[in-house]
PDB file of N, CA and C in Angstrom:
ATOM      1  N   MET A   1       3.337 136.106  18.002  1.00  0.00           N
ATOM      2  CA  MET A   1       4.021 134.835  17.826  1.00  0.00           C
ATOM      3  C   MET A   1       3.146 133.928  16.975  1.00  0.00           C
ATOM      4  N   ALA A   2       3.725 133.366  15.943  1.00  0.00           N
ATOM      5  CA  ALA A   2       2.993 132.471  15.046  1.00  0.00           C
ATOM      6  C   ALA A   2       3.006 131.047  15.589  1.00  0.00           C
ATOM      7  N   SER A   3       1.995 130.279  15.206  1.00  0.00           N
ATOM      8  CA  SER A   3       1.911 128.906  15.695  1.00  0.00           C
ATOM      9  C   SER A   3       2.770 127.941  14.887  1.00  0.00           C
ATOM     10  N   HIS A   4       3.153 128.345  13.685  1.00  0.00           N
ATOM     11  CA  HIS A   4       3.966 127.502  12.803  1.00  0.00           C
ATOM     12  C   HIS A   4       3.264 126.197  12.438  1.00  0.00           C
ATOM     13  N   GLY A   5       1.943 126.217  12.424  1.00  0.00           N
ATOM     14  CA  GLY A   5       1.166 125.017  12.123  1.00  0.00           C
ATOM     15  C   GLY A   5       1.465 124.418  10.760  1.00  0.00           C
ATOM     16  N   CYS A   6       1.621 125.265   9.746  1.00  0.00           N
ATOM     17  CA  CYS A   6       1.908 124.751   8.395  1.00  0.00           C
ATOM     18  C   CYS A   6       3.257 124.054   8.351  1.00  0.00           C
ATOM     19  N   GLU A   7       4.243 124.655   9.009  1.00  0.00           N
ATOM     20  CA  GLU A   7       5.572 124.063   9.019  1.00  0.00           C
ATOM     21  C   GLU A   7       5.581 122.737   9.778  1.00  0.00           C
ATOM     22  N   ILE A   8       4.863 122.696  10.883  1.00  0.00           N
ATOM     23  CA  ILE A   8       4.782 121.463  11.675  1.00  0.00           C
ATOM     24  C   ILE A   8       4.073 120.372  10.876  1.00  0.00           C
ATOM     25  N   ALA A   9       2.958 120.736  10.229  1.00  0.00           N
ATOM     26  CA  ALA A   9       2.225 119.762   9.418  1.00  0.00           C
ATOM     27  C   ALA A   9       3.107 119.212   8.300  1.00  0.00           C
ATOM     28  N   ALA A  10       3.860 120.081   7.653  1.00  0.00           N
ATOM     29  CA  ALA A  10       4.736 119.646   6.567  1.00  0.00           C
ATOM     30  C   ALA A  10       5.818 118.694   7.079  1.00  0.00           C
ATOM     31  N   GLU A  11       6.384 118.990   8.224  1.00  0.00           N
ATOM     32  CA  GLU A  11       7.444 118.135   8.773  1.00  0.00           C
ATOM     33  C   GLU A  11       6.892 116.779   9.209  1.00  0.00           C
ATOM     34  N   VAL A  12       5.752 116.773   9.869  1.00  0.00           N
ATOM     35  CA  VAL A  12       5.135 115.502  10.281  1.00  0.00           C
ATOM     36  C   VAL A  12       4.781 114.678   9.044  1.00  0.00           C
ATOM     37  N   ALA A  13       4.214 115.322   8.041  1.00  0.00           N
ATOM     38  CA  ALA A  13       3.865 114.618   6.808  1.00  0.00           C
ATOM     39  C   ALA A  13       5.106 114.016   6.156  1.00  0.00           C
ATOM     40  N   ARG A  14       6.192 114.757   6.167  1.00  0.00           N
ATOM     41  CA  ARG A  14       7.433 114.241   5.583  1.00  0.00           C
ATOM     42  C   ARG A  14       7.908 113.013   6.348  1.00  0.00           C
ATOM     43  N   ILE A  15       7.847 113.071   7.670  1.00  0.00           N
ATOM     44  CA  ILE A  15       8.321 111.964   8.506  1.00  0.00           C
ATOM     45  C   ILE A  15       7.504 110.695   8.272  1.00  0.00           C
ATOM     46  N   VAL A  16       6.191 110.849   8.173  1.00  0.00           N
ATOM     47  CA  VAL A  16       5.328 109.671   8.015  1.00  0.00           C
ATOM     48  C   VAL A  16       5.018 109.368   6.550  1.00  0.00           C
ATOM     49  N   ASP A  17       5.664 110.106   5.654  1.00  0.00           N
ATOM     50  CA  ASP A  17       5.520 109.903   4.215  1.00  0.00           C
ATOM     51  C   ASP A  17       4.078 110.105   3.750  1.00  0.00           C
ATOM     52  N   PHE A  18       3.473 111.193   4.194  1.00  0.00           N
ATOM     53  CA  PHE A  18       2.142 111.603   3.758  1.00  0.00           C
ATOM     54  C   PHE A  18       2.280 112.885   2.953  1.00  0.00           C
ATOM     55  N   ARG A  19       1.253 113.215   2.237  1.00  0.00           N
ATOM     56  CA  ARG A  19       1.216 114.481   1.505  1.00  0.00           C
ATOM     57  C   ARG A  19       0.236 115.418   2.209  1.00  0.00           C
ATOM     58  N   VAL A  20       0.643 116.645   2.432  1.00  0.00           N
ATOM     59  CA  VAL A  20      -0.234 117.639   3.039  1.00  0.00           C
ATOM     60  C   VAL A  20      -1.146 118.198   1.959  1.00  0.00           C
ATOM     61  N   ILE A  21      -2.425 118.158   2.229  1.00  0.00           N
ATOM     62  CA  ILE A  21      -3.399 118.749   1.315  1.00  0.00           C
ATOM     63  C   ILE A  21      -4.019 119.929   2.050  1.00  0.00           C
ATOM     64  N   ASP A  22      -3.647 121.117   1.627  1.00  0.00           N
ATOM     65  CA  ASP A  22      -4.118 122.307   2.334  1.00  0.00           C
ATOM     66  C   ASP A  22      -5.446 122.810   1.767  1.00  0.00           C
ATOM     67  N   ARG A  23      -5.957 123.808   2.395  1.00  0.00           N
ATOM     68  CA  ARG A  23      -7.264 124.367   2.033  1.00  0.00           C
ATOM     69  C   ARG A  23      -7.290 124.834   0.582  1.00  0.00           C
ATOM     70  N   GLU A  24      -6.194 125.392   0.114  1.00  0.00           N
ATOM     71  CA  GLU A  24      -6.119 125.884  -1.271  1.00  0.00           C
ATOM     72  C   GLU A  24      -6.364 124.755  -2.273  1.00  0.00           C
ATOM     73  N   ILE A  25      -5.748 123.619  -2.048  1.00  0.00           N
ATOM     74  CA  ILE A  25      -5.928 122.471  -2.946  1.00  0.00           C
ATOM     75  C   ILE A  25      -7.369 121.979  -2.892  1.00  0.00           C
ATOM     76  N   ILE A  26      -7.929 121.907  -1.702  1.00  0.00           N
ATOM     77  CA  ILE A  26      -9.317 121.454  -1.545  1.00  0.00           C
ATOM     78  C   ILE A  26     -10.269 122.400  -2.260  1.00  0.00           C
ATOM     79  N   HIS A  27     -10.055 123.692  -2.103  1.00  0.00           N
ATOM     80  CA  HIS A  27     -10.933 124.677  -2.755  1.00  0.00           C
ATOM     81  C   HIS A  27     -10.818 124.599  -4.278  1.00  0.00           C
ATOM     82  N   ARG A  28      -9.607 124.423  -4.775  1.00  0.00           N
ATOM     83  CA  ARG A  28      -9.409 124.320  -6.222  1.00  0.00           C
ATOM     84  C   ARG A  28     -10.121 123.083  -6.769  1.00  0.00           C
ATOM     85  N   ALA A  29      -9.986 121.954  -6.081  1.00  0.00           N
ATOM     86  CA  ALA A  29     -10.635 120.716  -6.530  1.00  0.00           C
ATOM     87  C   ALA A  29     -12.150 120.851  -6.472  1.00  0.00           C
ATOM     88  N   ALA A  30     -12.644 121.468  -5.411  1.00  0.00           N
ATOM     89  CA  ALA A  30     -14.089 121.653  -5.278  1.00  0.00           C
ATOM     90  C   ALA A  30     -14.626 122.564  -6.377  1.00  0.00           C
ATOM     91  N   GLU A  31     -13.881 123.614  -6.674  1.00  0.00           N
ATOM     92  CA  GLU A  31     -14.289 124.526  -7.741  1.00  0.00           C
ATOM     93  C   GLU A  31     -14.354 123.785  -9.077  1.00  0.00           C
ATOM     94  N   GLU A  32     -13.347 122.974  -9.361  1.00  0.00           N
ATOM     95  CA  GLU A  32     -13.326 122.204 -10.604  1.00  0.00           C
ATOM     96  C   GLU A  32     -14.479 121.201 -10.655  1.00  0.00           C
ATOM     97  N   ALA A  33     -14.911 120.716  -9.489  1.00  0.00           N
ATOM     98  CA  ALA A  33     -16.013 119.751  -9.429  1.00  0.00           C
ATOM     99  C   ALA A  33     -17.375 120.429  -9.404  1.00  0.00           C
ATOM    100  N   GLY A  34     -17.387 121.770  -9.342  1.00  0.00           N
ATOM    101  CA  GLY A  34     -18.649 122.497  -9.353  1.00  0.00           C
ATOM    102  C   GLY A  34     -19.309 122.647  -8.002  1.00  0.00           C
ATOM    103  N   VAL A  35     -18.560 122.451  -6.936  1.00  0.00           N
ATOM    104  CA  VAL A  35     -19.115 122.624  -5.589  1.00  0.00           C
ATOM    105  C   VAL A  35     -19.302 124.121  -5.327  1.00  0.00           C
ATOM    106  N   PRO A  36     -20.488 124.530  -4.899  1.00  0.00           N
ATOM    107  CA  PRO A  36     -20.716 125.955  -4.633  1.00  0.00           C
ATOM    108  C   PRO A  36     -19.780 126.474  -3.534  1.00  0.00           C
ATOM    109  N   ARG A  37     -19.283 127.679  -3.707  1.00  0.00           N
ATOM    110  CA  ARG A  37     -18.367 128.283  -2.746  1.00  0.00           C
ATOM    111  C   ARG A  37     -18.995 128.376  -1.350  1.00  0.00           C
ATOM    112  N   ILE A  38     -20.284 128.629  -1.290  1.00  0.00           N
ATOM    113  CA  ILE A  38     -20.961 128.740   0.014  1.00  0.00           C
ATOM    114  C   ILE A  38     -20.888 127.419   0.771  1.00  0.00           C
ATOM    115  N   ALA A  39     -20.912 126.297   0.054  1.00  0.00           N
ATOM    116  CA  ALA A  39     -20.819 124.989   0.712  1.00  0.00           C
ATOM    117  C   ALA A  39     -19.467 124.846   1.401  1.00  0.00           C
ATOM    118  N   LEU A  40     -18.397 125.282   0.744  1.00  0.00           N
ATOM    119  CA  LEU A  40     -17.065 125.220   1.353  1.00  0.00           C
ATOM    120  C   LEU A  40     -16.980 126.130   2.568  1.00  0.00           C
ATOM    121  N   GLN A  41     -17.597 127.300   2.473  1.00  0.00           N
ATOM    122  CA  GLN A  41     -17.584 128.226   3.606  1.00  0.00           C
ATOM    123  C   GLN A  41     -18.324 127.637   4.800  1.00  0.00           C
ATOM    124  N   GLU A  42     -19.442 126.974   4.543  1.00  0.00           N
ATOM    125  CA  GLU A  42     -20.201 126.359   5.630  1.00  0.00           C
ATOM    126  C   GLU A  42     -19.420 125.208   6.269  1.00  0.00           C
ATOM    127  N   ILE A  43     -18.749 124.416   5.440  1.00  0.00           N
ATOM    128  CA  ILE A  43     -17.941 123.316   5.966  1.00  0.00           C
ATOM    129  C   ILE A  43     -16.801 123.861   6.819  1.00  0.00           C
ATOM    130  N   ALA A  44     -16.140 124.900   6.344  1.00  0.00           N
ATOM    131  CA  ALA A  44     -15.040 125.511   7.094  1.00  0.00           C
ATOM    132  C   ALA A  44     -15.545 126.070   8.421  1.00  0.00           C
ATOM    133  N   TYR A  45     -16.706 126.722   8.398  1.00  0.00           N
ATOM    134  CA  TYR A  45     -17.277 127.279   9.625  1.00  0.00           C
ATOM    135  C   TYR A  45     -17.573 126.162  10.623  1.00  0.00           C
ATOM    136  N   GLU A  46     -18.195 125.102  10.153  1.00  0.00           N
ATOM    137  CA  GLU A  46     -18.532 123.988  11.047  1.00  0.00           C
ATOM    138  C   GLU A  46     -17.280 123.371  11.645  1.00  0.00           C
ATOM    139  N   GLY A  47     -16.236 123.243  10.853  1.00  0.00           N
ATOM    140  CA  GLY A  47     -14.981 122.691  11.358  1.00  0.00           C
ATOM    141  C   GLY A  47     -14.394 123.551  12.462  1.00  0.00           C
ATOM    142  N   ARG A  48     -14.368 124.868  12.258  1.00  0.00           N
ATOM    143  CA  ARG A  48     -13.849 125.779  13.288  1.00  0.00           C
ATOM    144  C   ARG A  48     -14.726 125.729  14.534  1.00  0.00           C
ATOM    145  N   ARG A  49     -16.045 125.692  14.333  1.00  0.00           N
ATOM    146  CA  ARG A  49     -16.968 125.660  15.468  1.00  0.00           C
ATOM    147  C   ARG A  49     -16.765 124.387  16.285  1.00  0.00           C
ATOM    148  N   ASN A  50     -16.587 123.264  15.608  1.00  0.00           N
ATOM    149  CA  ASN A  50     -16.394 121.998  16.308  1.00  0.00           C
ATOM    150  C   ASN A  50     -15.096 121.995  17.105  1.00  0.00           C
ATOM    151  N   VAL A  51     -14.047 122.574  16.551  1.00  0.00           N
ATOM    152  CA  VAL A  51     -12.782 122.655  17.280  1.00  0.00           C
ATOM    153  C   VAL A  51     -12.967 123.509  18.528  1.00  0.00           C
ATOM    154  N   LEU A  52     -13.636 124.624  18.397  1.00  0.00           N
ATOM    155  CA  LEU A  52     -13.875 125.487  19.564  1.00  0.00           C
ATOM    156  C   LEU A  52     -14.717 124.770  20.611  1.00  0.00           C
ATOM    157  N   ASP A  53     -15.754 124.059  20.172  1.00  0.00           N
ATOM    158  CA  ASP A  53     -16.603 123.313  21.111  1.00  0.00           C
ATOM    159  C   ASP A  53     -15.788 122.273  21.879  1.00  0.00           C
ATOM    160  N   ARG A  54     -14.911 121.569  21.179  1.00  0.00           N
ATOM    161  CA  ARG A  54     -14.113 120.535  21.844  1.00  0.00           C
ATOM    162  C   ARG A  54     -13.152 121.143  22.850  1.00  0.00           C
ATOM    163  N   THR A  55     -12.555 122.283  22.527  1.00  0.00           N
ATOM    164  CA  THR A  55     -11.591 122.872  23.453  1.00  0.00           C
ATOM    165  C   THR A  55     -12.295 123.473  24.662  1.00  0.00           C
ATOM    166  N   ARG A  56     -13.499 123.929  24.496  1.00  0.00           N
ATOM    167  CA  ARG A  56     -14.252 124.507  25.627  1.00  0.00           C
ATOM    168  C   ARG A  56     -14.723 123.445  26.618  1.00  0.00           C
ATOM    169  N   ARG A  57     -14.900 122.203  26.153  1.00  0.00           N
ATOM    170  CA  ARG A  57     -15.385 121.128  27.016  1.00  0.00           C
ATOM    171  C   ARG A  57     -14.326 120.636  27.996  1.00  0.00           C
ATOM    172  N   ARG A  58     -13.080 120.969  27.761  1.00  0.00           N
ATOM    173  CA  ARG A  58     -11.999 120.457  28.613  1.00  0.00           C
ATOM    174  C   ARG A  58     -11.937 121.146  29.926  1.00  0.00           C
TER     175      ARG A  58
END
């Protein structure tokens, strides 16, 4: 069973009149700005780790 997170994010963004900026757009912009790929990987890892830490504390 899929979580449908992308679809939910898109619908919420539409309702509140926001634009969804997904990982692909961020990576493309970072690449154009010369950000090393390893930096993006480390940021992504830290984000996932922080989410896991927060859910474990509950």
